[in-house]
Amino acid sequence: MDYFLLCNRAWIETLHRVVCVHASDEVLAFSLIDAFSFQYQVKAFLSGDSPPFSAGELEGIASTVNMTTRVVRRLSSSSLRYWILEYLRRQPKGKRYRALVLRFVKDRDATILLTEIGVHASSWMSTGVQIGDEVDVQVEEAHPRDDVLSLKEVEAV
């Protein structure tokens, strides 16, 4: 391997470590790592050089990128839900929110979408409410650390 390829390989490995610690858009950063490793493989092939990464190393890079991307997405999603629940917890008691009934899980227990906030939740609905209806709900409890959101249907004003 020549000096250029060694430097590029070291750069990719360093970038990988830095991205694991912190990056503003982690999914994009890991996609770039995957793209750069592919680019160097193609470049080496076209120039007649030996590839900088073996098949096993490429599989390892791809596996690491995929696994880390899944973890980052899961963390991002749970972090977003935490802050939505914290927002709801801090709102004045009795504040009403519009919700759209998405489906019924069993009997009158429905999955709803708080349209102003964009979060799914479940709530007990009164008789006569159908899928697609808009209802007013209030927050009974919101505990972000426990991922608990309790809503109740209220009469429309």
N, C-alpha and C. Protein backbone atom coordinates (compact mmCIF):
# COMPACT_ATOMS: atom_id res chain seq x y z
N MET A 1 0.84 -1.19 0.00
CA MET A 1 0.00 0.00 0.00
C MET A 1 0.88 1.24 0.00
N ASP A 2 0.51 2.21 -0.81
CA ASP A 2 1.33 3.43 -0.84
C ASP A 2 0.89 4.40 0.25
N TYR A 3 1.65 5.47 0.40
CA TYR A 3 1.41 6.45 1.47
C TYR A 3 0.03 7.08 1.37
N PHE A 4 -0.41 7.40 0.13
CA PHE A 4 -1.71 8.04 -0.07
C PHE A 4 -2.84 7.15 0.45
N LEU A 5 -2.80 5.87 0.10
CA LEU A 5 -3.87 4.97 0.54
C LEU A 5 -3.83 4.78 2.05
N LEU A 6 -2.62 4.69 2.63
CA LEU A 6 -2.51 4.55 4.08
C LEU A 6 -3.09 5.77 4.79
N CYS A 7 -2.79 6.96 4.26
CA CYS A 7 -3.33 8.19 4.87
C CYS A 7 -4.84 8.22 4.77
N ASN A 8 -5.38 7.84 3.61
CA ASN A 8 -6.83 7.84 3.44
C ASN A 8 -7.49 6.82 4.36
N ARG A 9 -6.86 5.65 4.48
CA ARG A 9 -7.42 4.63 5.36
C ARG A 9 -7.38 5.11 6.81
N ALA A 10 -6.28 5.73 7.22
CA ALA A 10 -6.18 6.27 8.58
C ALA A 10 -7.22 7.37 8.78
N TRP A 11 -7.44 8.18 7.75
CA TRP A 11 -8.44 9.24 7.84
C TRP A 11 -9.83 8.66 8.05
N ILE A 12 -10.16 7.62 7.32
CA ILE A 12 -11.48 6.99 7.46
C ILE A 12 -11.63 6.41 8.86
N GLU A 13 -10.60 5.72 9.36
CA GLU A 13 -10.68 5.15 10.70
C GLU A 13 -10.79 6.23 11.77
N THR A 14 -10.06 7.33 11.60
CA THR A 14 -10.15 8.45 12.55
C THR A 14 -11.53 9.09 12.49
N LEU A 15 -12.02 9.30 11.28
CA LEU A 15 -13.36 9.86 11.10
C LEU A 15 -14.39 8.96 11.78
N HIS A 16 -14.22 7.66 11.61
CA HIS A 16 -15.15 6.71 12.23
C HIS A 16 -15.16 6.87 13.75
N ARG A 17 -13.99 7.00 14.37
CA ARG A 17 -13.92 7.16 15.82
C ARG A 17 -14.55 8.48 16.25
N VAL A 18 -14.26 9.56 15.52
CA VAL A 18 -14.80 10.88 15.86
C VAL A 18 -16.32 10.88 15.74
N VAL A 19 -16.83 10.26 14.68
CA VAL A 19 -18.27 10.23 14.47
C VAL A 19 -18.95 9.42 15.56
N CYS A 20 -18.30 8.35 16.03
CA CYS A 20 -18.89 7.55 17.10
C CYS A 20 -19.06 8.39 18.36
N VAL A 21 -18.12 9.31 18.62
CA VAL A 21 -18.18 10.13 19.81
C VAL A 21 -19.19 11.26 19.66
N HIS A 22 -19.12 11.98 18.52
CA HIS A 22 -20.02 13.11 18.34
C HIS A 22 -20.10 13.49 16.87
N ALA A 23 -21.30 13.76 16.41
CA ALA A 23 -21.52 14.30 15.07
C ALA A 23 -22.89 14.94 15.06
N SER A 24 -23.03 16.00 14.26
CA SER A 24 -24.32 16.69 14.25
C SER A 24 -25.37 15.88 13.51
N ASP A 25 -24.99 15.18 12.46
CA ASP A 25 -25.92 14.30 11.76
C ASP A 25 -25.25 12.95 11.63
N GLU A 26 -25.45 12.11 12.62
CA GLU A 26 -24.74 10.85 12.72
C GLU A 26 -25.03 9.92 11.55
N VAL A 27 -26.27 9.85 11.12
CA VAL A 27 -26.63 8.95 10.03
C VAL A 27 -25.91 9.36 8.76
N LEU A 28 -25.87 10.66 8.47
CA LEU A 28 -25.15 11.14 7.30
C LEU A 28 -23.67 10.84 7.41
N ALA A 29 -23.10 11.06 8.57
CA ALA A 29 -21.67 10.82 8.76
C ALA A 29 -21.31 9.37 8.51
N PHE A 30 -22.13 8.44 9.01
CA PHE A 30 -21.84 7.03 8.79
C PHE A 30 -22.05 6.64 7.34
N SER A 31 -23.00 7.26 6.67
CA SER A 31 -23.19 7.00 5.25
C SER A 31 -21.97 7.48 4.46
N LEU A 32 -21.38 8.60 4.89
CA LEU A 32 -20.18 9.10 4.22
C LEU A 32 -19.01 8.15 4.41
N ILE A 33 -18.87 7.58 5.59
CA ILE A 33 -17.80 6.61 5.82
C ILE A 33 -17.94 5.45 4.86
N ASP A 34 -19.15 4.94 4.73
CA ASP A 34 -19.42 3.83 3.83
C ASP A 34 -19.10 4.23 2.39
N ALA A 35 -19.53 5.44 1.98
CA ALA A 35 -19.29 5.92 0.62
C ALA A 35 -17.80 6.11 0.34
N PHE A 36 -17.06 6.67 1.32
CA PHE A 36 -15.63 6.89 1.12
C PHE A 36 -14.88 5.57 0.96
N SER A 37 -15.23 4.58 1.76
CA SER A 37 -14.54 3.29 1.65
C SER A 37 -14.82 2.67 0.29
N PHE A 38 -16.06 2.81 -0.21
CA PHE A 38 -16.39 2.30 -1.54
C PHE A 38 -15.63 3.06 -2.61
N GLN A 39 -15.55 4.39 -2.45
CA GLN A 39 -14.84 5.22 -3.43
C GLN A 39 -13.37 4.80 -3.55
N TYR A 40 -12.72 4.53 -2.43
CA TYR A 40 -11.32 4.13 -2.47
C TYR A 40 -11.15 2.75 -3.10
N GLN A 41 -12.10 1.88 -2.92
CA GLN A 41 -12.05 0.57 -3.56
C GLN A 41 -12.12 0.72 -5.07
N VAL A 42 -13.06 1.54 -5.55
CA VAL A 42 -13.23 1.75 -6.99
C VAL A 42 -12.00 2.43 -7.58
N LYS A 43 -11.50 3.43 -6.88
CA LYS A 43 -10.31 4.15 -7.35
C LYS A 43 -9.12 3.21 -7.50
N ALA A 44 -8.91 2.35 -6.53
CA ALA A 44 -7.81 1.39 -6.60
C ALA A 44 -8.01 0.42 -7.75
N PHE A 45 -9.22 -0.05 -7.95
CA PHE A 45 -9.51 -0.97 -9.04
C PHE A 45 -9.24 -0.32 -10.39
N LEU A 46 -9.71 0.92 -10.57
CA LEU A 46 -9.54 1.61 -11.85
C LEU A 46 -8.08 1.94 -12.15
N SER A 47 -7.30 2.18 -11.10
CA SER A 47 -5.89 2.51 -11.32
C SER A 47 -5.01 1.25 -11.38
N GLY A 48 -5.62 0.08 -11.19
CA GLY A 48 -4.87 -1.17 -11.28
C GLY A 48 -4.14 -1.54 -10.00
N ASP A 49 -4.37 -0.80 -8.93
CA ASP A 49 -3.73 -1.10 -7.65
C ASP A 49 -4.55 -2.15 -6.89
N SER A 50 -3.95 -2.68 -5.84
CA SER A 50 -4.69 -3.61 -5.00
C SER A 50 -5.68 -2.80 -4.14
N PRO A 51 -6.82 -3.38 -3.87
CA PRO A 51 -7.83 -2.65 -3.08
C PRO A 51 -7.32 -2.36 -1.67
N PRO A 52 -7.65 -1.15 -1.14
CA PRO A 52 -7.18 -0.79 0.19
C PRO A 52 -7.86 -1.59 1.30
N PHE A 53 -9.04 -2.13 1.03
CA PHE A 53 -9.77 -2.90 2.03
C PHE A 53 -10.07 -4.29 1.48
N SER A 54 -9.92 -5.30 2.32
CA SER A 54 -10.29 -6.65 1.92
C SER A 54 -11.81 -6.78 1.99
N ALA A 55 -12.32 -7.88 1.46
CA ALA A 55 -13.77 -8.10 1.50
C ALA A 55 -14.25 -8.16 2.95
N GLY A 56 -13.47 -8.78 3.81
CA GLY A 56 -13.84 -8.87 5.22
C GLY A 56 -13.85 -7.52 5.89
N GLU A 57 -12.86 -6.67 5.55
CA GLU A 57 -12.83 -5.33 6.14
C GLU A 57 -14.03 -4.50 5.68
N LEU A 58 -14.40 -4.63 4.39
CA LEU A 58 -15.57 -3.91 3.89
C LEU A 58 -16.84 -4.38 4.57
N GLU A 59 -16.97 -5.69 4.77
CA GLU A 59 -18.14 -6.21 5.47
C GLU A 59 -18.17 -5.69 6.90
N GLY A 60 -16.99 -5.60 7.53
CA GLY A 60 -16.92 -5.07 8.89
C GLY A 60 -17.32 -3.61 8.95
N ILE A 61 -16.85 -2.82 7.98
CA ILE A 61 -17.22 -1.39 7.92
C ILE A 61 -18.73 -1.26 7.73
N ALA A 62 -19.28 -2.02 6.78
CA ALA A 62 -20.71 -1.94 6.50
C ALA A 62 -21.53 -2.37 7.72
N SER A 63 -21.08 -3.44 8.38
CA SER A 63 -21.78 -3.93 9.56
C SER A 63 -21.76 -2.89 10.67
N THR A 64 -20.60 -2.29 10.90
CA THR A 64 -20.47 -1.27 11.94
C THR A 64 -21.35 -0.06 11.62
N VAL A 65 -21.33 0.37 10.37
CA VAL A 65 -22.14 1.52 9.95
C VAL A 65 -23.62 1.22 10.15
N ASN A 66 -24.07 0.04 9.73
CA ASN A 66 -25.49 -0.31 9.87
C ASN A 66 -25.91 -0.41 11.34
N MET A 67 -25.08 -1.07 12.15
CA MET A 67 -25.41 -1.23 13.56
C MET A 67 -25.45 0.13 14.26
N THR A 68 -24.45 0.96 14.00
CA THR A 68 -24.39 2.26 14.66
C THR A 68 -25.53 3.17 14.20
N THR A 69 -25.88 3.09 12.93
CA THR A 69 -27.00 3.88 12.41
C THR A 69 -28.30 3.50 13.11
N ARG A 70 -28.53 2.21 13.32
CA ARG A 70 -29.74 1.77 14.03
C ARG A 70 -29.75 2.30 15.46
N VAL A 71 -28.62 2.24 16.13
CA VAL A 71 -28.53 2.73 17.51
C VAL A 71 -28.80 4.23 17.55
N VAL A 72 -28.20 4.97 16.62
CA VAL A 72 -28.37 6.43 16.58
C VAL A 72 -29.83 6.79 16.33
N ARG A 73 -30.47 6.10 15.41
CA ARG A 73 -31.88 6.38 15.13
C ARG A 73 -32.75 6.09 16.35
N ARG A 74 -32.47 4.98 17.04
CA ARG A 74 -33.25 4.64 18.22
C ARG A 74 -33.06 5.68 19.31
N LEU A 75 -31.81 6.10 19.53
CA LEU A 75 -31.54 7.12 20.54
C LEU A 75 -32.20 8.45 20.18
N SER A 76 -32.12 8.81 18.92
CA SER A 76 -32.73 10.06 18.46
C SER A 76 -34.24 10.03 18.67
N SER A 77 -34.85 8.91 18.34
CA SER A 77 -36.30 8.78 18.49
C SER A 77 -36.71 8.83 19.96
N SER A 78 -35.98 8.13 20.82
CA SER A 78 -36.34 8.14 22.24
C SER A 78 -36.07 9.50 22.87
N SER A 79 -35.04 10.19 22.40
CA SER A 79 -34.76 11.54 22.90
C SER A 79 -35.87 12.51 22.50
N LEU A 80 -36.32 12.40 21.26
CA LEU A 80 -37.41 13.27 20.80
C LEU A 80 -38.67 13.02 21.63
N ARG A 81 -39.00 11.75 21.85
CA ARG A 81 -40.19 11.43 22.65
C ARG A 81 -40.05 11.97 24.07
N TYR A 82 -38.87 11.85 24.65
CA TYR A 82 -38.64 12.36 26.01
C TYR A 82 -38.97 13.85 26.07
N TRP A 83 -38.47 14.64 25.11
CA TRP A 83 -38.67 16.09 25.15
C TRP A 83 -40.10 16.48 24.82
N ILE A 84 -40.79 15.69 24.02
CA ILE A 84 -42.22 15.94 23.77
C ILE A 84 -43.00 15.73 25.06
N LEU A 85 -42.71 14.63 25.76
CA LEU A 85 -43.40 14.38 27.03
C LEU A 85 -43.06 15.44 28.07
N GLU A 86 -41.83 15.90 28.08
CA GLU A 86 -41.44 16.98 29.00
C GLU A 86 -42.20 18.26 28.68
N TYR A 87 -42.35 18.56 27.40
CA TYR A 87 -43.13 19.73 26.98
C TYR A 87 -44.57 19.62 27.48
N LEU A 88 -45.17 18.45 27.28
CA LEU A 88 -46.55 18.25 27.73
C LEU A 88 -46.67 18.35 29.25
N ARG A 89 -45.68 17.85 29.97
CA ARG A 89 -45.69 17.90 31.43
C ARG A 89 -45.68 19.35 31.92
N ARG A 90 -44.96 20.21 31.21
CA ARG A 90 -44.81 21.60 31.64
C ARG A 90 -46.00 22.51 31.26
N GLN A 91 -46.90 22.00 30.45
CA GLN A 91 -48.04 22.81 30.03
C GLN A 91 -49.04 22.94 31.18
N PRO A 92 -49.84 24.03 31.17
CA PRO A 92 -50.83 24.22 32.24
C PRO A 92 -51.85 23.07 32.29
N LYS A 93 -52.26 22.73 33.50
CA LYS A 93 -53.28 21.68 33.66
C LYS A 93 -54.55 22.13 32.97
N GLY A 94 -55.22 21.21 32.34
CA GLY A 94 -56.49 21.53 31.68
C GLY A 94 -56.34 22.01 30.24
N LYS A 95 -55.12 22.14 29.74
CA LYS A 95 -54.94 22.57 28.35
C LYS A 95 -55.45 21.47 27.43
N ARG A 96 -56.20 21.90 26.42
CA ARG A 96 -56.80 20.95 25.47
C ARG A 96 -55.94 20.83 24.23
N TYR A 97 -55.93 19.62 23.69
CA TYR A 97 -55.22 19.34 22.45
C TYR A 97 -56.16 18.63 21.50
N ARG A 98 -56.03 18.94 20.23
CA ARG A 98 -56.81 18.24 19.20
C ARG A 98 -56.09 16.93 18.89
N ALA A 99 -56.86 15.88 18.72
CA ALA A 99 -56.29 14.58 18.41
C ALA A 99 -57.13 13.90 17.33
N LEU A 100 -56.46 13.12 16.52
CA LEU A 100 -57.09 12.36 15.45
C LEU A 100 -57.07 10.89 15.85
N VAL A 101 -58.24 10.24 15.78
CA VAL A 101 -58.32 8.82 16.12
C VAL A 101 -57.79 8.02 14.94
N LEU A 102 -56.71 7.25 15.19
CA LEU A 102 -56.07 6.48 14.12
C LEU A 102 -56.60 5.06 14.01
N ARG A 103 -56.75 4.40 15.17
CA ARG A 103 -57.26 3.02 15.16
C ARG A 103 -57.66 2.64 16.58
N PHE A 104 -58.46 1.59 16.66
CA PHE A 104 -58.84 1.06 17.96
C PHE A 104 -58.03 -0.20 18.22
N VAL A 105 -57.39 -0.24 19.40
CA VAL A 105 -56.58 -1.39 19.77
C VAL A 105 -57.49 -2.50 20.28
N LYS A 106 -58.36 -2.17 21.22
CA LYS A 106 -59.39 -3.10 21.70
C LYS A 106 -60.49 -2.27 22.34
N ASP A 107 -61.69 -2.75 22.20
CA ASP A 107 -62.87 -2.05 22.71
C ASP A 107 -62.80 -0.56 22.38
N ARG A 108 -62.70 0.30 23.40
CA ARG A 108 -62.68 1.75 23.17
C ARG A 108 -61.28 2.33 23.36
N ASP A 109 -60.28 1.49 23.54
CA ASP A 109 -58.90 1.96 23.69
C ASP A 109 -58.34 2.25 22.30
N ALA A 110 -58.05 3.53 22.03
CA ALA A 110 -57.66 3.95 20.69
C ALA A 110 -56.24 4.51 20.65
N THR A 111 -55.62 4.34 19.50
CA THR A 111 -54.36 5.03 19.23
C THR A 111 -54.73 6.34 18.57
N ILE A 112 -54.21 7.44 19.14
CA ILE A 112 -54.55 8.76 18.61
C ILE A 112 -53.26 9.51 18.26
N LEU A 113 -53.43 10.52 17.43
CA LEU A 113 -52.31 11.39 17.05
C LEU A 113 -52.64 12.79 17.55
N LEU A 114 -51.80 13.31 18.45
CA LEU A 114 -51.97 14.71 18.87
C LEU A 114 -51.49 15.56 17.70
N THR A 115 -52.42 16.18 16.99
CA THR A 115 -52.10 16.84 15.73
C THR A 115 -51.20 18.05 15.88
N GLU A 116 -51.31 18.78 16.97
CA GLU A 116 -50.47 19.97 17.17
C GLU A 116 -49.02 19.61 17.46
N ILE A 117 -48.81 18.44 18.03
CA ILE A 117 -47.49 18.06 18.50
C ILE A 117 -46.87 16.97 17.64
N GLY A 118 -47.71 16.12 17.07
CA GLY A 118 -47.20 15.06 16.21
C GLY A 118 -46.74 13.82 16.96
N VAL A 119 -47.38 13.52 18.08
CA VAL A 119 -47.01 12.34 18.85
C VAL A 119 -48.19 11.37 18.93
N HIS A 120 -47.88 10.08 18.83
CA HIS A 120 -48.89 9.04 19.00
C HIS A 120 -49.05 8.73 20.47
N ALA A 121 -50.27 8.42 20.85
CA ALA A 121 -50.55 8.03 22.23
C ALA A 121 -51.79 7.15 22.20
N SER A 122 -52.11 6.59 23.34
CA SER A 122 -53.35 5.82 23.42
C SER A 122 -54.25 6.46 24.48
N SER A 123 -55.53 6.31 24.26
CA SER A 123 -56.51 6.91 25.18
C SER A 123 -57.83 6.17 25.05
N TRP A 124 -58.59 6.18 26.12
CA TRP A 124 -59.92 5.59 26.13
C TRP A 124 -60.88 6.57 25.49
N MET A 125 -61.64 6.13 24.49
CA MET A 125 -62.57 7.00 23.76
C MET A 125 -64.02 6.67 24.14
N SER A 126 -64.85 7.69 24.11
CA SER A 126 -66.26 7.50 24.43
C SER A 126 -66.96 6.75 23.29
N THR A 127 -68.11 6.21 23.59
CA THR A 127 -68.89 5.48 22.60
C THR A 127 -69.31 6.44 21.49
N GLY A 128 -69.26 5.97 20.27
CA GLY A 128 -69.66 6.79 19.13
C GLY A 128 -68.49 7.40 18.39
N VAL A 129 -67.33 7.40 18.96
CA VAL A 129 -66.15 7.93 18.29
C VAL A 129 -65.67 6.89 17.28
N GLN A 130 -65.39 7.35 16.07
CA GLN A 130 -64.97 6.45 14.99
C GLN A 130 -63.54 6.79 14.54
N ILE A 131 -62.95 5.86 13.82
CA ILE A 131 -61.63 6.11 13.23
C ILE A 131 -61.75 7.32 12.29
N GLY A 132 -60.81 8.25 12.41
CA GLY A 132 -60.83 9.46 11.58
C GLY A 132 -61.47 10.66 12.25
N ASP A 133 -62.15 10.44 13.36
CA ASP A 133 -62.77 11.56 14.09
C ASP A 133 -61.70 12.38 14.80
N GLU A 134 -61.97 13.67 14.93
CA GLU A 134 -61.11 14.54 15.74
C GLU A 134 -61.77 14.72 17.09
N VAL A 135 -60.97 14.60 18.14
CA VAL A 135 -61.48 14.73 19.51
C VAL A 135 -60.57 15.69 20.27
N ASP A 136 -61.08 16.20 21.38
CA ASP A 136 -60.27 17.01 22.29
C ASP A 136 -59.81 16.13 23.43
N VAL A 137 -58.54 16.27 23.80
CA VAL A 137 -57.99 15.50 24.92
C VAL A 137 -57.21 16.43 25.84
N GLN A 138 -57.06 15.98 27.08
CA GLN A 138 -56.23 16.68 28.06
C GLN A 138 -55.21 15.69 28.61
N VAL A 139 -54.08 16.24 29.02
CA VAL A 139 -53.04 15.41 29.62
C VAL A 139 -53.39 15.19 31.09
N GLU A 140 -53.52 13.92 31.49
CA GLU A 140 -53.71 13.58 32.90
C GLU A 140 -52.36 13.44 33.58
N GLU A 141 -51.44 12.73 32.92
CA GLU A 141 -50.10 12.51 33.44
C GLU A 141 -49.10 12.52 32.30
N ALA A 142 -47.93 13.06 32.57
CA ALA A 142 -46.82 12.97 31.62
C ALA A 142 -45.54 12.82 32.44
N HIS A 143 -44.89 11.68 32.28
CA HIS A 143 -43.64 11.38 32.98
C HIS A 143 -42.60 10.99 31.94
N PRO A 144 -41.78 11.94 31.50
CA PRO A 144 -40.82 11.65 30.44
C PRO A 144 -39.81 10.56 30.79
N ARG A 145 -39.34 10.53 32.04
CA ARG A 145 -38.32 9.53 32.41
C ARG A 145 -38.86 8.11 32.36
N ASP A 146 -40.16 7.96 32.62
CA ASP A 146 -40.78 6.64 32.59
C ASP A 146 -41.48 6.36 31.27
N ASP A 147 -41.44 7.32 30.34
CA ASP A 147 -42.12 7.22 29.04
C ASP A 147 -43.62 6.96 29.23
N VAL A 148 -44.23 7.74 30.12
CA VAL A 148 -45.65 7.59 30.42
C VAL A 148 -46.40 8.84 29.96
N LEU A 149 -47.43 8.62 29.18
CA LEU A 149 -48.33 9.71 28.77
C LEU A 149 -49.75 9.20 28.91
N SER A 150 -50.51 9.85 29.79
CA SER A 150 -51.90 9.46 30.03
C SER A 150 -52.79 10.62 29.59
N LEU A 151 -53.72 10.33 28.69
CA LEU A 151 -54.62 11.34 28.16
C LEU A 151 -56.07 10.95 28.44
N LYS A 152 -56.94 11.95 28.52
CA LYS A 152 -58.36 11.65 28.63
C LYS A 152 -59.14 12.52 27.66
N GLU A 153 -60.16 11.94 27.10
CA GLU A 153 -61.02 12.65 26.17
C GLU A 153 -61.88 13.64 26.94
N VAL A 154 -62.04 14.85 26.40
CA VAL A 154 -62.90 15.85 27.02
C VAL A 154 -63.92 16.33 26.00
N GLU A 155 -65.01 16.91 26.51
CA GLU A 155 -66.05 17.43 25.63
C GLU A 155 -65.50 18.57 24.77
N ALA A 156 -65.89 18.58 23.50
CA ALA A 156 -65.48 19.66 22.60
C ALA A 156 -66.17 20.95 23.01
N VAL A 157 -65.44 22.04 22.87
CA VAL A 157 -66.00 23.35 23.25
C VAL A 157 -66.66 23.99 22.07
